[in-house]
N, C-alpha and C. Protein backbone atom coordinates (compact mmCIF):
# COMPACT_ATOMS: atom_id res chain seq x y z
N MET A 1 34.86 19.90 34.18
CA MET A 1 35.00 19.85 32.75
C MET A 1 33.68 19.46 32.08
N ASN A 2 32.95 18.51 32.67
CA ASN A 2 31.69 18.07 32.07
C ASN A 2 30.69 19.20 31.92
N ASP A 3 30.63 20.09 32.91
CA ASP A 3 29.67 21.19 32.82
C ASP A 3 30.04 22.16 31.71
N ILE A 4 31.33 22.33 31.45
CA ILE A 4 31.76 23.21 30.36
C ILE A 4 31.40 22.57 29.01
N LEU A 5 31.67 21.27 28.88
CA LEU A 5 31.30 20.58 27.64
C LEU A 5 29.80 20.59 27.43
N ALA A 6 29.04 20.44 28.51
CA ALA A 6 27.58 20.49 28.39
C ALA A 6 27.14 21.86 27.89
N ARG A 7 27.77 22.92 28.37
CA ARG A 7 27.40 24.27 27.93
C ARG A 7 27.74 24.48 26.46
N VAL A 8 28.99 24.22 26.09
CA VAL A 8 29.40 24.54 24.72
C VAL A 8 28.88 23.54 23.71
N GLY A 9 28.43 22.36 24.18
CA GLY A 9 27.89 21.37 23.27
C GLY A 9 26.38 21.40 23.17
N ASP A 10 25.74 22.20 24.00
CA ASP A 10 24.29 22.33 23.98
C ASP A 10 23.85 22.96 22.66
N LYS A 11 22.79 22.41 22.06
CA LYS A 11 22.40 22.89 20.73
C LYS A 11 22.05 24.37 20.72
N TRP A 12 21.40 24.86 21.77
CA TRP A 12 21.03 26.27 21.78
C TRP A 12 22.25 27.16 21.98
N SER A 13 23.18 26.72 22.81
CA SER A 13 24.41 27.51 23.00
C SER A 13 25.18 27.62 21.70
N VAL A 14 25.27 26.52 20.98
CA VAL A 14 25.97 26.53 19.70
C VAL A 14 25.29 27.50 18.74
N ARG A 15 23.96 27.45 18.69
CA ARG A 15 23.23 28.34 17.78
C ARG A 15 23.40 29.81 18.16
N VAL A 16 23.41 30.10 19.46
CA VAL A 16 23.58 31.48 19.92
C VAL A 16 24.99 31.96 19.60
N VAL A 17 26.00 31.14 19.88
CA VAL A 17 27.38 31.53 19.57
C VAL A 17 27.51 31.83 18.09
N MET A 18 26.96 30.98 17.24
CA MET A 18 27.05 31.24 15.81
C MET A 18 26.24 32.47 15.41
N GLY A 19 25.14 32.71 16.10
CA GLY A 19 24.33 33.90 15.83
C GLY A 19 25.03 35.19 16.19
N LEU A 20 25.96 35.11 17.11
CA LEU A 20 26.71 36.30 17.54
C LEU A 20 28.09 36.39 16.88
N ALA A 21 28.42 35.43 16.03
CA ALA A 21 29.76 35.37 15.43
C ALA A 21 30.09 36.61 14.60
N ASP A 22 29.09 37.23 14.00
CA ASP A 22 29.34 38.39 13.14
C ASP A 22 29.20 39.72 13.86
N GLY A 23 28.95 39.70 15.17
CA GLY A 23 28.84 40.94 15.92
C GLY A 23 27.68 40.93 16.88
N SER A 24 27.54 42.02 17.61
CA SER A 24 26.52 42.10 18.65
C SER A 24 25.12 42.10 18.05
N ARG A 25 24.19 41.59 18.82
CA ARG A 25 22.81 41.49 18.38
C ARG A 25 21.89 41.77 19.54
N ARG A 26 20.70 42.19 19.24
CA ARG A 26 19.67 42.36 20.25
C ARG A 26 18.93 41.04 20.43
N PHE A 27 18.26 40.92 21.57
CA PHE A 27 17.57 39.68 21.94
C PHE A 27 16.62 39.23 20.84
N ASN A 28 15.75 40.11 20.39
CA ASN A 28 14.75 39.72 19.39
C ASN A 28 15.36 39.38 18.04
N GLU A 29 16.50 39.99 17.71
CA GLU A 29 17.20 39.62 16.48
C GLU A 29 17.67 38.17 16.56
N LEU A 30 18.25 37.82 17.71
CA LEU A 30 18.69 36.45 17.91
C LEU A 30 17.51 35.49 17.85
N ARG A 31 16.45 35.85 18.52
CA ARG A 31 15.28 34.97 18.58
C ARG A 31 14.70 34.71 17.18
N ARG A 32 14.66 35.75 16.36
CA ARG A 32 14.15 35.59 14.99
C ARG A 32 15.07 34.69 14.15
N ASP A 33 16.37 34.76 14.41
CA ASP A 33 17.34 34.04 13.58
C ASP A 33 17.63 32.61 14.05
N ILE A 34 17.06 32.22 15.18
CA ILE A 34 17.27 30.86 15.69
C ILE A 34 15.92 30.15 15.72
N PRO A 35 15.58 29.45 14.65
CA PRO A 35 14.28 28.80 14.56
C PRO A 35 14.07 27.81 15.71
N GLY A 36 12.87 27.85 16.28
CA GLY A 36 12.50 26.88 17.30
C GLY A 36 12.86 27.25 18.73
N ILE A 37 13.64 28.28 18.93
CA ILE A 37 14.02 28.64 20.29
C ILE A 37 12.93 29.51 20.91
N SER A 38 12.56 29.19 22.14
CA SER A 38 11.55 29.98 22.83
C SER A 38 12.23 31.17 23.53
N GLN A 39 11.43 32.13 23.91
CA GLN A 39 11.96 33.29 24.62
C GLN A 39 12.63 32.84 25.92
N ARG A 40 11.98 31.91 26.61
CA ARG A 40 12.53 31.42 27.88
C ARG A 40 13.86 30.71 27.67
N MET A 41 13.96 29.86 26.65
CA MET A 41 15.20 29.13 26.40
C MET A 41 16.31 30.06 25.96
N LEU A 42 15.99 31.06 25.14
CA LEU A 42 17.02 32.02 24.73
C LEU A 42 17.52 32.80 25.94
N THR A 43 16.63 33.21 26.82
CA THR A 43 17.03 33.92 28.03
C THR A 43 17.95 33.05 28.87
N ARG A 44 17.56 31.80 29.10
CA ARG A 44 18.38 30.89 29.91
C ARG A 44 19.74 30.65 29.27
N THR A 45 19.76 30.48 27.96
CA THR A 45 21.01 30.22 27.25
C THR A 45 21.94 31.41 27.33
N LEU A 46 21.39 32.61 27.08
CA LEU A 46 22.22 33.81 27.15
C LEU A 46 22.77 34.02 28.56
N ARG A 47 21.95 33.80 29.58
CA ARG A 47 22.43 33.94 30.96
C ARG A 47 23.55 32.96 31.27
N GLY A 48 23.39 31.72 30.82
CA GLY A 48 24.43 30.72 31.05
C GLY A 48 25.72 31.07 30.33
N LEU A 49 25.62 31.52 29.09
CA LEU A 49 26.80 31.91 28.33
C LEU A 49 27.47 33.14 28.94
N GLU A 50 26.66 34.05 29.45
CA GLU A 50 27.22 35.23 30.13
C GLU A 50 27.94 34.80 31.41
N ARG A 51 27.32 33.94 32.17
CA ARG A 51 27.93 33.44 33.42
C ARG A 51 29.26 32.77 33.15
N ASP A 52 29.35 32.04 32.04
CA ASP A 52 30.57 31.32 31.70
C ASP A 52 31.62 32.20 31.01
N GLY A 53 31.31 33.48 30.81
CA GLY A 53 32.28 34.39 30.23
C GLY A 53 32.36 34.34 28.72
N LEU A 54 31.36 33.75 28.07
CA LEU A 54 31.38 33.63 26.61
C LEU A 54 30.62 34.76 25.92
N VAL A 55 29.68 35.37 26.63
CA VAL A 55 28.84 36.43 26.07
C VAL A 55 28.83 37.61 27.03
N SER A 56 28.85 38.81 26.46
CA SER A 56 28.69 40.03 27.28
C SER A 56 27.33 40.63 26.99
N ARG A 57 26.80 41.31 27.97
CA ARG A 57 25.48 41.94 27.86
C ARG A 57 25.68 43.43 28.14
N THR A 58 25.24 44.28 27.22
CA THR A 58 25.39 45.73 27.37
C THR A 58 24.02 46.38 27.34
N VAL A 59 23.70 47.13 28.39
CA VAL A 59 22.42 47.84 28.47
C VAL A 59 22.69 49.31 28.17
N THR A 60 21.98 49.83 27.18
CA THR A 60 22.07 51.25 26.83
C THR A 60 20.82 51.94 27.36
N PRO A 61 21.02 52.94 28.23
CA PRO A 61 19.84 53.62 28.79
C PRO A 61 19.05 54.35 27.70
N SER A 62 17.83 53.95 27.54
CA SER A 62 16.90 54.58 26.61
C SER A 62 15.52 54.12 27.02
N VAL A 63 14.51 54.57 26.31
CA VAL A 63 13.15 54.13 26.60
C VAL A 63 12.60 53.45 25.36
N PRO A 64 12.39 52.15 25.36
CA PRO A 64 12.78 51.20 26.41
C PRO A 64 14.29 50.98 26.38
N PRO A 65 14.87 50.40 27.43
CA PRO A 65 16.31 50.18 27.44
C PRO A 65 16.72 49.26 26.29
N ARG A 66 17.86 49.54 25.71
CA ARG A 66 18.40 48.70 24.63
C ARG A 66 19.41 47.74 25.24
N VAL A 67 19.25 46.45 24.95
CA VAL A 67 20.17 45.44 25.47
C VAL A 67 20.80 44.72 24.28
N ASP A 68 22.12 44.73 24.24
CA ASP A 68 22.86 44.06 23.18
C ASP A 68 23.71 42.94 23.77
N TYR A 69 23.82 41.87 23.02
CA TYR A 69 24.64 40.73 23.41
C TYR A 69 25.76 40.58 22.39
N ALA A 70 26.95 40.23 22.87
CA ALA A 70 28.10 40.04 21.99
C ALA A 70 28.99 38.95 22.57
N LEU A 71 29.76 38.33 21.70
CA LEU A 71 30.73 37.35 22.17
C LEU A 71 31.91 38.06 22.81
N THR A 72 32.41 37.51 23.88
CA THR A 72 33.66 37.98 24.47
C THR A 72 34.80 37.35 23.67
N ALA A 73 36.03 37.67 24.02
CA ALA A 73 37.19 37.05 23.35
C ALA A 73 37.13 35.53 23.53
N LEU A 74 36.74 35.08 24.72
CA LEU A 74 36.61 33.65 24.98
C LEU A 74 35.53 33.04 24.10
N GLY A 75 34.40 33.73 23.97
CA GLY A 75 33.32 33.26 23.12
C GLY A 75 33.73 33.20 21.65
N ARG A 76 34.47 34.21 21.19
CA ARG A 76 34.94 34.21 19.80
C ARG A 76 35.89 33.04 19.54
N SER A 77 36.66 32.64 20.56
CA SER A 77 37.58 31.52 20.38
C SER A 77 36.83 30.21 20.19
N LEU A 78 35.55 30.18 20.51
CA LEU A 78 34.73 28.99 20.35
C LEU A 78 34.13 28.88 18.94
N CYS A 79 34.15 29.96 18.18
CA CYS A 79 33.49 29.97 16.87
C CYS A 79 34.08 28.96 15.90
N ASP A 80 35.39 28.86 15.79
CA ASP A 80 35.99 27.93 14.83
C ASP A 80 35.67 26.47 15.17
N PRO A 81 35.86 26.04 16.43
CA PRO A 81 35.49 24.64 16.74
C PRO A 81 34.01 24.35 16.50
N VAL A 82 33.14 25.29 16.82
CA VAL A 82 31.71 25.09 16.62
C VAL A 82 31.40 25.01 15.12
N ALA A 83 32.02 25.86 14.32
CA ALA A 83 31.81 25.84 12.88
C ALA A 83 32.30 24.52 12.28
N GLN A 84 33.43 24.02 12.76
CA GLN A 84 33.95 22.74 12.27
C GLN A 84 32.98 21.60 12.60
N LEU A 85 32.44 21.61 13.80
CA LEU A 85 31.48 20.59 14.18
C LEU A 85 30.23 20.67 13.31
N GLY A 86 29.75 21.89 13.07
CA GLY A 86 28.59 22.08 12.20
C GLY A 86 28.86 21.60 10.78
N ASN A 87 30.04 21.89 10.26
CA ASN A 87 30.40 21.44 8.91
C ASN A 87 30.47 19.91 8.85
N TRP A 88 30.98 19.29 9.92
CA TRP A 88 31.02 17.83 9.97
C TRP A 88 29.59 17.27 9.92
N ALA A 89 28.71 17.88 10.71
CA ALA A 89 27.33 17.41 10.76
C ALA A 89 26.67 17.52 9.38
N ILE A 90 26.88 18.63 8.70
CA ILE A 90 26.31 18.83 7.37
C ILE A 90 26.87 17.81 6.39
N ALA A 91 28.18 17.59 6.45
CA ALA A 91 28.82 16.66 5.51
C ALA A 91 28.41 15.21 5.75
N ASN A 92 28.02 14.88 6.97
CA ASN A 92 27.75 13.48 7.31
C ASN A 92 26.30 13.16 7.65
N ILE A 93 25.40 14.10 7.43
CA ILE A 93 24.01 13.86 7.81
C ILE A 93 23.42 12.66 7.08
N GLY A 94 23.76 12.48 5.82
CA GLY A 94 23.24 11.34 5.07
C GLY A 94 23.71 10.02 5.65
N LYS A 95 24.97 9.93 6.03
CA LYS A 95 25.52 8.70 6.61
C LYS A 95 24.87 8.40 7.96
N VAL A 96 24.66 9.43 8.76
CA VAL A 96 24.04 9.25 10.07
C VAL A 96 22.58 8.79 9.90
N GLU A 97 21.86 9.42 8.98
CA GLU A 97 20.48 9.01 8.75
C GLU A 97 20.39 7.58 8.22
N ALA A 98 21.32 7.18 7.36
CA ALA A 98 21.34 5.81 6.84
C ALA A 98 21.62 4.82 7.98
N ALA A 99 22.56 5.15 8.85
CA ALA A 99 22.88 4.28 9.98
C ALA A 99 21.68 4.15 10.92
N ARG A 100 20.98 5.24 11.14
CA ARG A 100 19.78 5.20 11.99
C ARG A 100 18.71 4.30 11.37
N ALA A 101 18.54 4.41 10.07
CA ALA A 101 17.53 3.60 9.39
C ALA A 101 17.85 2.12 9.50
N VAL A 102 19.12 1.76 9.36
CA VAL A 102 19.53 0.36 9.49
C VAL A 102 19.29 -0.10 10.93
N TYR A 103 19.70 0.70 11.88
CA TYR A 103 19.53 0.35 13.30
C TYR A 103 18.06 0.21 13.65
N ASP A 104 17.26 1.21 13.27
CA ASP A 104 15.84 1.20 13.59
C ASP A 104 15.10 0.05 12.91
N GLY A 105 15.57 -0.35 11.74
CA GLY A 105 14.95 -1.46 11.01
C GLY A 105 15.16 -2.79 11.72
N GLY A 106 16.21 -2.91 12.51
CA GLY A 106 16.48 -4.15 13.22
C GLY A 106 15.95 -4.15 14.64
N GLN A 107 15.10 -3.20 15.00
CA GLN A 107 14.60 -3.07 16.37
C GLN A 107 13.19 -3.63 16.54
N ASP A 108 12.84 -4.67 15.84
CA ASP A 108 11.48 -5.25 15.93
C ASP A 108 11.30 -6.04 17.15
C-alpha cells in the first residue's frame, strides 16, 4: 500500500495525472505544461504511471514515431481525489505558510 500512496502522492505524478485529465497528450506537450519538470523526471514518472496501470502509451507509426499518453480508467478514477487535494492546498496555503513562519521563528 505504501508504494501505491507514494506513486499517487508524488508531486510529479499528480501533475501528470492532472495534465492528462482532459485527454491524451504528447510527451513535449506535457513537458511544456508542467513547469519545472525535467525530461528525465517526466520519462520516469510516465513509466511508473504506466507500470501501475494509470497511464497508457500509444505509439503511432510515422516518421518520427508519434507517442501519445492518456489516462486509463483507473487513472481517470484518480482525478477527483487529486483535484480535491489540490483545491485543499490552494484554499489553505496561507494558513500553512503562517504556521511555517511561526514554527521557523521559534527555531533559534
